PDB file of N, CA and C in Angstrom:
ATOM      1  N   LEU A   1     -16.345 -19.650 -52.020  1.00  0.00           N
ATOM      2  CA  LEU A   1     -17.131 -19.002 -50.998  1.00  0.00           C
ATOM      3  C   LEU A   1     -16.925 -17.494 -51.073  1.00  0.00           C
ATOM      4  N   GLN A   2     -17.978 -16.819 -50.960  1.00  0.00           N
ATOM      5  CA  GLN A   2     -17.904 -15.360 -51.003  1.00  0.00           C
ATOM      6  C   GLN A   2     -18.207 -14.828 -49.601  1.00  0.00           C
ATOM      7  N   TRP A   3     -17.343 -13.900 -49.142  1.00  0.00           N
ATOM      8  CA  TRP A   3     -17.496 -13.351 -47.792  1.00  0.00           C
ATOM      9  C   TRP A   3     -18.632 -12.352 -47.758  1.00  0.00           C
ATOM     10  N   ARG A   4     -19.362 -12.393 -46.665  1.00  0.00           N
ATOM     11  CA  ARG A   4     -20.395 -11.391 -46.466  1.00  0.00           C
ATOM     12  C   ARG A   4     -20.453 -11.061 -44.978  1.00  0.00           C
ATOM     13  N   PRO A   5     -20.752  -9.826 -44.624  1.00  0.00           N
ATOM     14  CA  PRO A   5     -20.766  -9.443 -43.207  1.00  0.00           C
ATOM     15  C   PRO A   5     -21.902 -10.137 -42.464  1.00  0.00           C
ATOM     16  N   ARG A   6     -21.676 -10.311 -41.173  1.00  0.00           N
ATOM     17  CA  ARG A   6     -22.709 -10.932 -40.345  1.00  0.00           C
ATOM     18  C   ARG A   6     -23.889  -9.995 -40.200  1.00  0.00           C
ATOM     19  N   GLU A   7     -25.002 -10.593 -39.931  1.00  0.00           N
ATOM     20  CA  GLU A   7     -26.189  -9.791 -39.695  1.00  0.00           C
ATOM     21  C   GLU A   7     -26.093  -9.144 -38.325  1.00  0.00           C
ATOM     22  N   LYS A   8     -26.678  -7.997 -38.189  1.00  0.00           N
ATOM     23  CA  LYS A   8     -26.693  -7.305 -36.903  1.00  0.00           C
ATOM     24  C   LYS A   8     -27.699  -8.001 -36.004  1.00  0.00           C
ATOM     25  N   LEU A   9     -27.288  -8.268 -34.759  1.00  0.00           N
ATOM     26  CA  LEU A   9     -28.160  -8.965 -33.834  1.00  0.00           C
ATOM     27  C   LEU A   9     -29.140  -8.018 -33.153  1.00  0.00           C
ATOM     28  N   LEU A  10     -28.759  -6.763 -33.044  1.00  0.00           N
ATOM     29  CA  LEU A  10     -29.613  -5.783 -32.372  1.00  0.00           C
ATOM     30  C   LEU A  10     -30.124  -4.762 -33.381  1.00  0.00           C
ATOM     31  N   SER A  11     -31.294  -4.283 -33.116  1.00  0.00           N
ATOM     32  CA  SER A  11     -31.838  -3.231 -33.979  1.00  0.00           C
ATOM     33  C   SER A  11     -31.202  -1.893 -33.599  1.00  0.00           C
ATOM     34  N   LYS A  12     -31.417  -0.891 -34.421  1.00  0.00           N
ATOM     35  CA  LYS A  12     -30.850   0.438 -34.139  1.00  0.00           C
ATOM     36  C   LYS A  12     -31.387   0.992 -32.828  1.00  0.00           C
ATOM     37  N   ALA A  13     -32.638   0.768 -32.550  1.00  0.00           N
ATOM     38  CA  ALA A  13     -33.239   1.268 -31.308  1.00  0.00           C
ATOM     39  C   ALA A  13     -32.608   0.584 -30.092  1.00  0.00           C
ATOM     40  N   GLN A  14     -32.370  -0.711 -30.206  1.00  0.00           N
ATOM     41  CA  GLN A  14     -31.747  -1.439 -29.091  1.00  0.00           C
ATOM     42  C   GLN A  14     -30.307  -0.970 -28.878  1.00  0.00           C
ATOM     43  N   ARG A  15     -29.574  -0.762 -29.979  1.00  0.00           N
ATOM     44  CA  ARG A  15     -28.197  -0.262 -29.858  1.00  0.00           C
ATOM     45  C   ARG A  15     -28.178   1.133 -29.238  1.00  0.00           C
ATOM     46  N   ALA A  16     -29.093   1.987 -29.620  1.00  0.00           N
ATOM     47  CA  ALA A  16     -29.169   3.341 -29.057  1.00  0.00           C
ATOM     48  C   ALA A  16     -29.482   3.276 -27.565  1.00  0.00           C
ATOM     49  N   GLU A  17     -30.352   2.373 -27.165  1.00  0.00           N
ATOM     50  CA  GLU A  17     -30.689   2.203 -25.747  1.00  0.00           C
ATOM     51  C   GLU A  17     -29.466   1.739 -24.955  1.00  0.00           C
ATOM     52  N   ILE A  18     -28.699   0.831 -25.519  1.00  0.00           N
ATOM     53  CA  ILE A  18     -27.494   0.327 -24.846  1.00  0.00           C
ATOM     54  C   ILE A  18     -26.477   1.446 -24.683  1.00  0.00           C
ATOM     55  N   VAL A  19     -26.268   2.226 -25.723  1.00  0.00           N
ATOM     56  CA  VAL A  19     -25.317   3.342 -25.647  1.00  0.00           C
ATOM     57  C   VAL A  19     -25.776   4.348 -24.605  1.00  0.00           C
ATOM     58  N   LYS A  20     -27.078   4.582 -24.529  1.00  0.00           N
ATOM     59  CA  LYS A  20     -27.624   5.535 -23.564  1.00  0.00           C
ATOM     60  C   LYS A  20     -27.412   5.050 -22.127  1.00  0.00           C
ATOM     61  N   ASN A  21     -27.613   3.766 -21.896  1.00  0.00           N
ATOM     62  CA  ASN A  21     -27.484   3.206 -20.548  1.00  0.00           C
ATOM     63  C   ASN A  21     -26.052   2.816 -20.192  1.00  0.00           C
ATOM     64  N   LEU A  22     -25.149   2.933 -21.143  1.00  0.00           N
ATOM     65  CA  LEU A  22     -23.771   2.497 -20.914  1.00  0.00           C
ATOM     66  C   LEU A  22     -23.117   3.241 -19.754  1.00  0.00           C
ATOM     67  N   LYS A  23     -23.334   4.534 -19.652  1.00  0.00           N
ATOM     68  CA  LYS A  23     -22.733   5.326 -18.567  1.00  0.00           C
ATOM     69  C   LYS A  23     -23.189   4.827 -17.205  1.00  0.00           C
ATOM     70  N   LYS A  24     -24.485   4.535 -17.080  1.00  0.00           N
ATOM     71  CA  LYS A  24     -25.021   4.071 -15.799  1.00  0.00           C
ATOM     72  C   LYS A  24     -24.383   2.732 -15.410  1.00  0.00           C
ATOM     73  N   TYR A  25     -24.331   1.822 -16.348  1.00  0.00           N
ATOM     74  CA  TYR A  25     -23.761   0.509 -16.051  1.00  0.00           C
ATOM     75  C   TYR A  25     -22.252   0.597 -15.833  1.00  0.00           C
ATOM     76  N   GLU A  26     -21.615   1.512 -16.566  1.00  0.00           N
ATOM     77  CA  GLU A  26     -20.175   1.681 -16.413  1.00  0.00           C
ATOM     78  C   GLU A  26     -19.837   2.121 -14.988  1.00  0.00           C
ATOM     79  N   LYS A  27     -20.624   3.023 -14.419  1.00  0.00           N
ATOM     80  CA  LYS A  27     -20.399   3.462 -13.042  1.00  0.00           C
ATOM     81  C   LYS A  27     -20.561   2.306 -12.071  1.00  0.00           C
ATOM     82  N   GLN A  28     -21.587   1.483 -12.288  1.00  0.00           N
ATOM     83  CA  GLN A  28     -21.806   0.336 -11.404  1.00  0.00           C
ATOM     84  C   GLN A  28     -20.632  -0.634 -11.474  1.00  0.00           C
ATOM     85  N   PHE A  29     -20.188  -0.946 -12.692  1.00  0.00           N
ATOM     86  CA  PHE A  29     -19.102  -1.906 -12.850  1.00  0.00           C
ATOM     87  C   PHE A  29     -17.782  -1.342 -12.329  1.00  0.00           C
ATOM     88  N   ASP A  30     -17.540  -0.043 -12.530  1.00  0.00           N
ATOM     89  CA  ASP A  30     -16.329   0.579 -11.993  1.00  0.00           C
ATOM     90  C   ASP A  30     -16.324   0.528 -10.473  1.00  0.00           C
ATOM     91  N   LYS A  31     -17.481   0.774  -9.870  1.00  0.00           N
ATOM     92  CA  LYS A  31     -17.577   0.705  -8.413  1.00  0.00           C
ATOM     93  C   LYS A  31     -17.291  -0.713  -7.927  1.00  0.00           C
ATOM     94  N   ALA A  32     -17.855  -1.707  -8.594  1.00  0.00           N
ATOM     95  CA  ALA A  32     -17.608  -3.104  -8.215  1.00  0.00           C
ATOM     96  C   ALA A  32     -16.134  -3.457  -8.397  1.00  0.00           C
ATOM     97  N   ASP A  33     -15.513  -2.973  -9.468  1.00  0.00           N
ATOM     98  CA  ASP A  33     -14.087  -3.229  -9.698  1.00  0.00           C
ATOM     99  C   ASP A  33     -13.234  -2.608  -8.596  1.00  0.00           C
ATOM    100  N   ARG A  34     -13.568  -1.370  -8.203  1.00  0.00           N
ATOM    101  CA  ARG A  34     -12.809  -0.715  -7.134  1.00  0.00           C
ATOM    102  C   ARG A  34     -12.948  -1.480  -5.824  1.00  0.00           C
ATOM    103  N   GLU A  35     -14.162  -1.949  -5.530  1.00  0.00           N
ATOM    104  CA  GLU A  35     -14.376  -2.710  -4.292  1.00  0.00           C
ATOM    105  C   GLU A  35     -13.575  -4.009  -4.308  1.00  0.00           C
ATOM    106  N   ARG A  36     -13.563  -4.700  -5.455  1.00  0.00           N
ATOM    107  CA  ARG A  36     -12.781  -5.934  -5.560  1.00  0.00           C
ATOM    108  C   ARG A  36     -11.289  -5.656  -5.429  1.00  0.00           C
ATOM    109  N   ALA A  37     -10.813  -4.575  -6.042  1.00  0.00           N
ATOM    110  CA  ALA A  37      -9.393  -4.226  -5.955  1.00  0.00           C
ATOM    111  C   ALA A  37      -9.018  -3.878  -4.518  1.00  0.00           C
ATOM    112  N   ARG A  38      -9.883  -3.158  -3.823  1.00  0.00           N
ATOM    113  CA  ARG A  38      -9.621  -2.803  -2.418  1.00  0.00           C
ATOM    114  C   ARG A  38      -9.584  -4.053  -1.545  1.00  0.00           C
ATOM    115  N   ALA A  39     -10.528  -4.971  -1.766  1.00  0.00           N
ATOM    116  CA  ALA A  39     -10.544  -6.218  -0.990  1.00  0.00           C
ATOM    117  C   ALA A  39      -9.286  -7.037  -1.263  1.00  0.00           C
ATOM    118  N   ARG A  40      -8.851  -7.080  -2.519  1.00  0.00           N
ATOM    119  CA  ARG A  40      -7.633  -7.819  -2.870  1.00  0.00           C
ATOM    120  C   ARG A  40      -6.412  -7.173  -2.203  1.00  0.00           C
ATOM    121  N   TYR A  41      -6.351  -5.839  -2.199  1.00  0.00           N
ATOM    122  CA  TYR A  41      -5.232  -5.132  -1.569  1.00  0.00           C
ATOM    123  C   TYR A  41      -5.189  -5.416  -0.068  1.00  0.00           C
ATOM    124  N   ILE A  42      -6.348  -5.388   0.577  1.00  0.00           N
ATOM    125  CA  ILE A  42      -6.405  -5.662   2.018  1.00  0.00           C
ATOM    126  C   ILE A  42      -5.942  -7.082   2.299  1.00  0.00           C
ATOM    127  N   GLU A  43      -6.356  -8.021   1.467  1.00  0.00           N
ATOM    128  CA  GLU A  43      -5.958  -9.422   1.657  1.00  0.00           C
ATOM    129  C   GLU A  43      -4.451  -9.589   1.452  1.00  0.00           C
ATOM    130  N   GLU A  44      -3.892  -8.898   0.451  1.00  0.00           N
ATOM    131  CA  GLU A  44      -2.462  -9.008   0.173  1.00  0.00           C
ATOM    132  C   GLU A  44      -1.619  -8.401   1.289  1.00  0.00           C
ATOM    133  N   THR A  45      -2.108  -7.344   1.925  1.00  0.00           N
ATOM    134  CA  THR A  45      -1.317  -6.655   2.944  1.00  0.00           C
ATOM    135  C   THR A  45      -1.631  -7.117   4.356  1.00  0.00           C
ATOM    136  N   LYS A  46      -2.471  -8.126   4.493  1.00  0.00           N
ATOM    137  CA  LYS A  46      -2.851  -8.609   5.822  1.00  0.00           C
ATOM    138  C   LYS A  46      -1.622  -9.095   6.600  1.00  0.00           C
ATOM    139  N   GLY A  47      -0.724  -9.806   5.955  1.00  0.00           N
ATOM    140  CA  GLY A  47       0.482 -10.303   6.615  1.00  0.00           C
ATOM    141  C   GLY A  47       1.386  -9.170   7.069  1.00  0.00           C
ATOM    142  N   LYS A  48       1.553  -8.174   6.224  1.00  0.00           N
ATOM    143  CA  LYS A  48       2.396  -7.027   6.584  1.00  0.00           C
ATOM    144  C   LYS A  48       1.818  -6.279   7.775  1.00  0.00           C
ATOM    145  N   ARG A  49       0.490  -6.120   7.767  1.00  0.00           N
ATOM    146  CA  ARG A  49      -0.135  -5.419   8.887  1.00  0.00           C
ATOM    147  C   ARG A  49       0.010  -6.209  10.182  1.00  0.00           C
ATOM    148  N   ALA A  50      -0.077  -7.534  10.098  1.00  0.00           N
ATOM    149  CA  ALA A  50       0.087  -8.359  11.297  1.00  0.00           C
ATOM    150  C   ALA A  50       1.514  -8.241  11.828  1.00  0.00           C
ATOM    151  N   LEU A  51       2.500  -8.260  10.935  1.00  0.00           N
ATOM    152  CA  LEU A  51       3.895  -8.102  11.363  1.00  0.00           C
ATOM    153  C   LEU A  51       4.132  -6.730  11.984  1.00  0.00           C
ATOM    154  N   ARG A  52       3.558  -5.697  11.380  1.00  0.00           N
ATOM    155  CA  ARG A  52       3.728  -4.342  11.911  1.00  0.00           C
ATOM    156  C   ARG A  52       3.093  -4.223  13.297  1.00  0.00           C
ATOM    157  N   THR A  53       1.931  -4.817  13.477  1.00  0.00           N
ATOM    158  CA  THR A  53       1.258  -4.784  14.776  1.00  0.00           C
ATOM    159  C   THR A  53       2.078  -5.523  15.822  1.00  0.00           C
ATOM    160  N   ALA A  54       2.612  -6.694  15.457  1.00  0.00           N
ATOM    161  CA  ALA A  54       3.438  -7.466  16.393  1.00  0.00           C
ATOM    162  C   ALA A  54       4.695  -6.683  16.764  1.00  0.00           C
ATOM    163  N   TYR A  55       5.299  -6.015  15.786  1.00  0.00           N
ATOM    164  CA  TYR A  55       6.498  -5.221  16.052  1.00  0.00           C
ATOM    165  C   TYR A  55       6.188  -4.079  17.015  1.00  0.00           C
ATOM    166  N   ARG A  56       5.090  -3.388  16.786  1.00  0.00           N
ATOM    167  CA  ARG A  56       4.727  -2.264  17.658  1.00  0.00           C
ATOM    168  C   ARG A  56       4.410  -2.731  19.075  1.00  0.00           C
ATOM    169  N   GLU A  57       3.757  -3.880  19.199  1.00  0.00           N
ATOM    170  CA  GLU A  57       3.474  -4.425  20.530  1.00  0.00           C
ATOM    171  C   GLU A  57       4.768  -4.790  21.248  1.00  0.00           C
ATOM    172  N   ARG A  58       5.697  -5.414  20.533  1.00  0.00           N
ATOM    173  CA  ARG A  58       6.983  -5.792  21.130  1.00  0.00           C
ATOM    174  C   ARG A  58       7.762  -4.546  21.549  1.00  0.00           C
ATOM    175  N   LEU A  59       7.764  -3.538  20.705  1.00  0.00           N
ATOM    176  CA  LEU A  59       8.461  -2.293  21.013  1.00  0.00           C
ATOM    177  C   LEU A  59       7.864  -1.630  22.251  1.00  0.00           C
ATOM    178  N   ALA A  60       6.553  -1.608  22.358  1.00  0.00           N
ATOM    179  CA  ALA A  60       5.894  -1.012  23.524  1.00  0.00           C
ATOM    180  C   ALA A  60       6.230  -1.793  24.790  1.00  0.00           C
ATOM    181  N   SER A  61       6.261  -3.121  24.694  1.00  0.00           N
ATOM    182  CA  SER A  61       6.583  -3.914  25.887  1.00  0.00           C
ATOM    183  C   SER A  61       8.035  -3.700  26.308  1.00  0.00           C
ATOM    184  N   LEU A  62       8.946  -3.571  25.346  1.00  0.00           N
ATOM    185  CA  LEU A  62      10.351  -3.319  25.692  1.00  0.00           C
ATOM    186  C   LEU A  62      10.532  -1.928  26.302  1.00  0.00           C
ATOM    187  N   ARG A  63       9.808  -0.947  25.792  1.00  0.00           N
ATOM    188  CA  ARG A  63       9.886   0.395  26.384  1.00  0.00           C
ATOM    189  C   ARG A  63       9.354   0.384  27.815  1.00  0.00           C
ATOM    190  N   GLU A  64       8.268  -0.330  28.028  1.00  0.00           N
ATOM    191  CA  GLU A  64       7.704  -0.443  29.373  1.00  0.00           C
ATOM    192  C   GLU A  64       8.685  -1.152  30.304  1.00  0.00           C
ATOM    193  N   PHE A  65       9.325  -2.205  29.813  1.00  0.00           N
ATOM    194  CA  PHE A  65      10.316  -2.929  30.611  1.00  0.00           C
ATOM    195  C   PHE A  65      11.474  -2.006  30.987  1.00  0.00           C
ATOM    196  N   ARG A  66      11.970  -1.241  30.010  1.00  0.00           N
ATOM    197  CA  ARG A  66      13.089  -0.324  30.284  1.00  0.00           C
ATOM    198  C   ARG A  66      12.666   0.763  31.276  1.00  0.00           C
ATOM    199  N   ARG A  67      11.449   1.261  31.154  1.00  0.00           N
ATOM    200  CA  ARG A  67      10.957   2.278  32.073  1.00  0.00           C
ATOM    201  C   ARG A  67      10.853   1.703  33.494  1.00  0.00           C
ATOM    202  N   ASN A  68      10.422   0.452  33.602  1.00  0.00           N
ATOM    203  CA  ASN A  68      10.310  -0.184  34.914  1.00  0.00           C
ATOM    204  C   ASN A  68      11.672  -0.466  35.539  1.00  0.00           C
ATOM    205  N   GLN A  69      12.692  -0.678  34.730  1.00  0.00           N
ATOM    206  CA  GLN A  69      14.025  -1.004  35.235  1.00  0.00           C
ATOM    207  C   GLN A  69      14.896   0.228  35.481  1.00  0.00           C
ATOM    208  N   LYS A  70      14.382   1.415  35.240  1.00  0.00           N
ATOM    209  CA  LYS A  70      15.190   2.636  35.334  1.00  0.00           C
ATOM    210  C   LYS A  70      15.754   2.850  36.737  1.00  0.00           C
ATOM    211  N   GLU A  71      14.940   2.688  37.760  1.00  0.00           N
ATOM    212  CA  GLU A  71      15.428   2.910  39.126  1.00  0.00           C
ATOM    213  C   GLU A  71      16.507   1.909  39.494  1.00  0.00           C
ATOM    214  N   ALA A  72      16.342   0.666  39.088  1.00  0.00           N
ATOM    215  CA  ALA A  72      17.359  -0.352  39.386  1.00  0.00           C
ATOM    216  C   ALA A  72      18.662  -0.019  38.667  1.00  0.00           C
ATOM    217  N   ARG A  73      18.599   0.439  37.436  1.00  0.00           N
ATOM    218  CA  ARG A  73      19.813   0.823  36.699  1.00  0.00           C
ATOM    219  C   ARG A  73      20.501   1.994  37.378  1.00  0.00           C
ATOM    220  N   MET A  74      19.714   3.007  37.783  1.00  0.00           N
ATOM    221  CA  MET A  74      20.313   4.169  38.442  1.00  0.00           C
ATOM    222  C   MET A  74      20.975   3.769  39.755  1.00  0.00           C
ATOM    223  N   GLU A  75      20.368   2.840  40.474  1.00  0.00           N
ATOM    224  CA  GLU A  75      20.955   2.382  41.735  1.00  0.00           C
ATOM    225  C   GLU A  75      22.266   1.657  41.477  1.00  0.00           C
ATOM    226  N   LEU A  76      22.309   0.830  40.444  1.00  0.00           N
ATOM    227  CA  LEU A  76      23.539   0.109  40.112  1.00  0.00           C
ATOM    228  C   LEU A  76      24.632   1.047  39.602  1.00  0.00           C
ATOM    229  N   LEU A  77      24.241   2.142  38.963  1.00  0.00           N
ATOM    230  CA  LEU A  77      25.212   3.095  38.428  1.00  0.00           C
ATOM    231  C   LEU A  77      25.532   4.212  39.421  1.00  0.00           C
ATOM    232  N   GLY A  78      25.105   4.067  40.650  1.00  0.00           N
ATOM    233  CA  GLY A  78      25.425   5.068  41.668  1.00  0.00           C
ATOM    234  C   GLY A  78      24.669   6.364  41.474  1.00  0.00           C
ATOM    235  N   GLY A  79      23.436   6.317  41.032  1.00  0.00           N
ATOM    236  CA  GLY A  79      22.625   7.514  40.861  1.00  0.00           C
ATOM    237  C   GLY A  79      22.785   8.181  39.512  1.00  0.00           C
ATOM    238  N   TYR A  80      23.613   7.631  38.657  1.00  0.00           N
ATOM    239  CA  TYR A  80      23.839   8.207  37.320  1.00  0.00           C
ATOM    240  C   TYR A  80      22.700   7.784  36.393  1.00  0.00           C
ATOM    241  N   ASP A  81      22.057   8.769  35.770  1.00  0.00           N
ATOM    242  CA  ASP A  81      20.951   8.493  34.850  1.00  0.00           C
ATOM    243  C   ASP A  81      21.501   8.443  33.428  1.00  0.00           C
ATOM    244  N   SER A  82      21.636   7.236  32.892  1.00  0.00           N
ATOM    245  CA  SER A  82      22.200   7.086  31.548  1.00  0.00           C
ATOM    246  C   SER A  82      21.213   7.492  30.456  1.00  0.00           C
ATOM    247  N   ASP A  83      19.947   7.657  30.799  1.00  0.00           N
ATOM    248  CA  ASP A  83      18.953   8.076  29.813  1.00  0.00           C
ATOM    249  C   ASP A  83      18.924   9.586  29.615  1.00  0.00           C
ATOM    250  N   ASP A  84      19.505  10.347  30.542  1.00  0.00           N
ATOM    251  CA  ASP A  84      19.476  11.804  30.464  1.00  0.00           C
ATOM    252  C   ASP A  84      20.557  12.279  29.500  1.00  0.00           C
ATOM    253  N   ASP A  85      20.158  12.985  28.462  1.00  0.00           N
ATOM    254  CA  ASP A  85      21.109  13.468  27.462  1.00  0.00           C
ATOM    255  C   ASP A  85      22.031  14.551  28.007  1.00  0.00           C
ATOM    256  N   ASN A  86      21.646  15.218  29.082  1.00  0.00           N
ATOM    257  CA  ASN A  86      22.483  16.275  29.646  1.00  0.00           C
ATOM    258  C   ASN A  86      23.712  15.708  30.350  1.00  0.00           C
ATOM    259  N   ASN A  87      23.749  14.420  30.616  1.00  0.00           N
ATOM    260  CA  ASN A  87      24.903  13.806  31.274  1.00  0.00           C
ATOM    261  C   ASN A  87      26.033  13.497  30.300  1.00  0.00           C
ATOM    262  N   TYR A  88      25.810  13.673  29.046  1.00  0.00           N
ATOM    263  CA  TYR A  88      26.816  13.345  28.043  1.00  0.00           C
ATOM    264  C   TYR A  88      27.478  14.613  27.532  1.00  0.00           C
ATOM    265  N   VAL A  89      28.764  14.502  27.210  1.00  0.00           N
ATOM    266  CA  VAL A  89      29.516  15.604  26.631  1.00  0.00           C
ATOM    267  C   VAL A  89      29.800  15.227  25.182  1.00  0.00           C
ATOM    268  N   THR A  90      29.418  16.100  24.285  1.00  0.00           N
ATOM    269  CA  THR A  90      29.657  15.827  22.868  1.00  0.00           C
ATOM    270  C   THR A  90      30.712  16.782  22.355  1.00  0.00           C
ATOM    271  N   THR A  91      31.605  16.252  21.571  1.00  0.00           N
ATOM    272  CA  THR A  91      32.632  17.067  20.932  1.00  0.00           C
ATOM    273  C   THR A  91      32.602  16.765  19.447  1.00  0.00           C
ATOM    274  N   GLU A  92      32.841  17.795  18.672  1.00  0.00           N
ATOM    275  CA  GLU A  92      32.851  17.633  17.225  1.00  0.00           C
ATOM    276  C   GLU A  92      34.287  17.718  16.747  1.00  0.00           C
ATOM    277  N   VAL A  93      34.719  16.719  16.034  1.00  0.00           N
ATOM    278  CA  VAL A  93      36.091  16.649  15.541  1.00  0.00           C
ATOM    279  C   VAL A  93      36.047  16.663  14.021  1.00  0.00           C
ATOM    280  N   THR A  94      36.848  17.548  13.416  1.00  0.00           N
ATOM    281  CA  THR A  94      36.918  17.636  11.964  1.00  0.00           C
ATOM    282  C   THR A  94      38.322  17.256  11.530  1.00  0.00           C
ATOM    283  N   LEU A  95      38.427  16.294  10.648  1.00  0.00           N
ATOM    284  CA  LEU A  95      39.718  15.853  10.130  1.00  0.00           C
ATOM    285  C   LEU A  95      39.822  16.257   8.671  1.00  0.00           C
ATOM    286  N   GLU A  96      40.966  16.819   8.314  1.00  0.00           N
ATOM    287  CA  GLU A  96      41.215  17.161   6.921  1.00  0.00           C
ATOM    288  C   GLU A  96      42.405  16.357   6.449  1.00  0.00           C
ATOM    289  N   THR A  97      42.252  15.708   5.321  1.00  0.00           N
ATOM    290  CA  THR A  97      43.324  14.892   4.761  1.00  0.00           C
ATOM    291  C   THR A  97      43.587  15.367   3.344  1.00  0.00           C
ATOM    292  N   ILE A  98      44.862  15.662   3.050  1.00  0.00           N
ATOM    293  CA  ILE A  98      45.247  16.070   1.703  1.00  0.00           C
ATOM    294  C   ILE A  98      45.590  14.797   0.943  1.00  0.00           C
ATOM    295  N   LEU A  99      44.870  14.541  -0.113  1.00  0.00           N
ATOM    296  CA  LEU A  99      45.068  13.306  -0.862  1.00  0.00           C
ATOM    297  C   LEU A  99      46.248  13.403  -1.814  1.00  0.00           C
ATOM    298  N   SER A 100      46.406  14.526  -2.480  1.00  0.00           N
ATOM    299  CA  SER A 100      47.543  14.675  -3.389  1.00  0.00           C
ATOM    300  C   SER A 100      47.776  16.160  -3.640  1.00  0.00           C
ATOM    301  N   THR A 101      49.012  16.461  -4.009  1.00  0.00           N
ATOM    302  CA  THR A 101      49.346  17.832  -4.389  1.00  0.00           C
ATOM    303  C   THR A 101      50.062  17.784  -5.721  1.00  0.00           C
ATOM    304  N   LYS A 102      49.885  18.808  -6.500  1.00  0.00           N
ATOM    305  CA  LYS A 102      50.514  18.857  -7.809  1.00  0.00           C
ATOM    306  C   LYS A 102      50.907  20.301  -8.076  1.00  0.00           C
ATOM    307  N   GLU A 103      52.125  20.483  -8.528  1.00  0.00           N
ATOM    308  CA  GLU A 103      52.602  21.832  -8.832  1.00  0.00           C
ATOM    309  C   GLU A 103      52.719  21.983 -10.334  1.00  0.00           C
ATOM    310  N   ASP A 104      52.156  23.059 -10.856  1.00  0.00           N
ATOM    311  CA  ASP A 104      52.250  23.376 -12.277  1.00  0.00           C
ATOM    312  C   ASP A 104      53.002  24.691 -12.415  1.00  0.00           C
ATOM    313  N   VAL A 105      53.889  24.729 -13.371  1.00  0.00           N
ATOM    314  CA  VAL A 105      54.624  25.954 -13.652  1.00  0.00           C
ATOM    315  C   VAL A 105      53.883  26.676 -14.772  1.00  0.00           C
ATOM    316  N   VAL A 106      53.511  27.925 -14.506  1.00  0.00           N
ATOM    317  CA  VAL A 106      52.778  28.717 -15.481  1.00  0.00           C
ATOM    318  C   VAL A 106      53.706  29.821 -15.966  1.00  0.00           C
ATOM    319  N   TYR A 107      53.862  29.983 -17.286  1.00  0.00           N
ATOM    320  CA  TYR A 107      54.728  31.025 -17.845  1.00  0.00           C
ATOM    321  C   TYR A 107      53.956  32.221 -18.239  1.00  0.00           C
TER     322      TYR A 107
END
């Protein structure tokens, strides 16, 4: 058997037309690919977004609960507002520790 190349299925004019229209079709297909990728990303992150929303709702409800209980806490603490940062005294302590000492004699 002797090898021979396949015949061309398209004429030169048809190939030139395809090359000319390739940019137009490429834009359409790229747009469709981006839309599919975006839809896939939204579907993949749907669970994370639901968890984040639930967390934010829980946090807001706890903040509201704490805000509603503030007067009762102050009454139990004798008028002391534990939420006020000015009621706290902060001190800064610095500790220095010598790990090792070594003496070298230099002549």
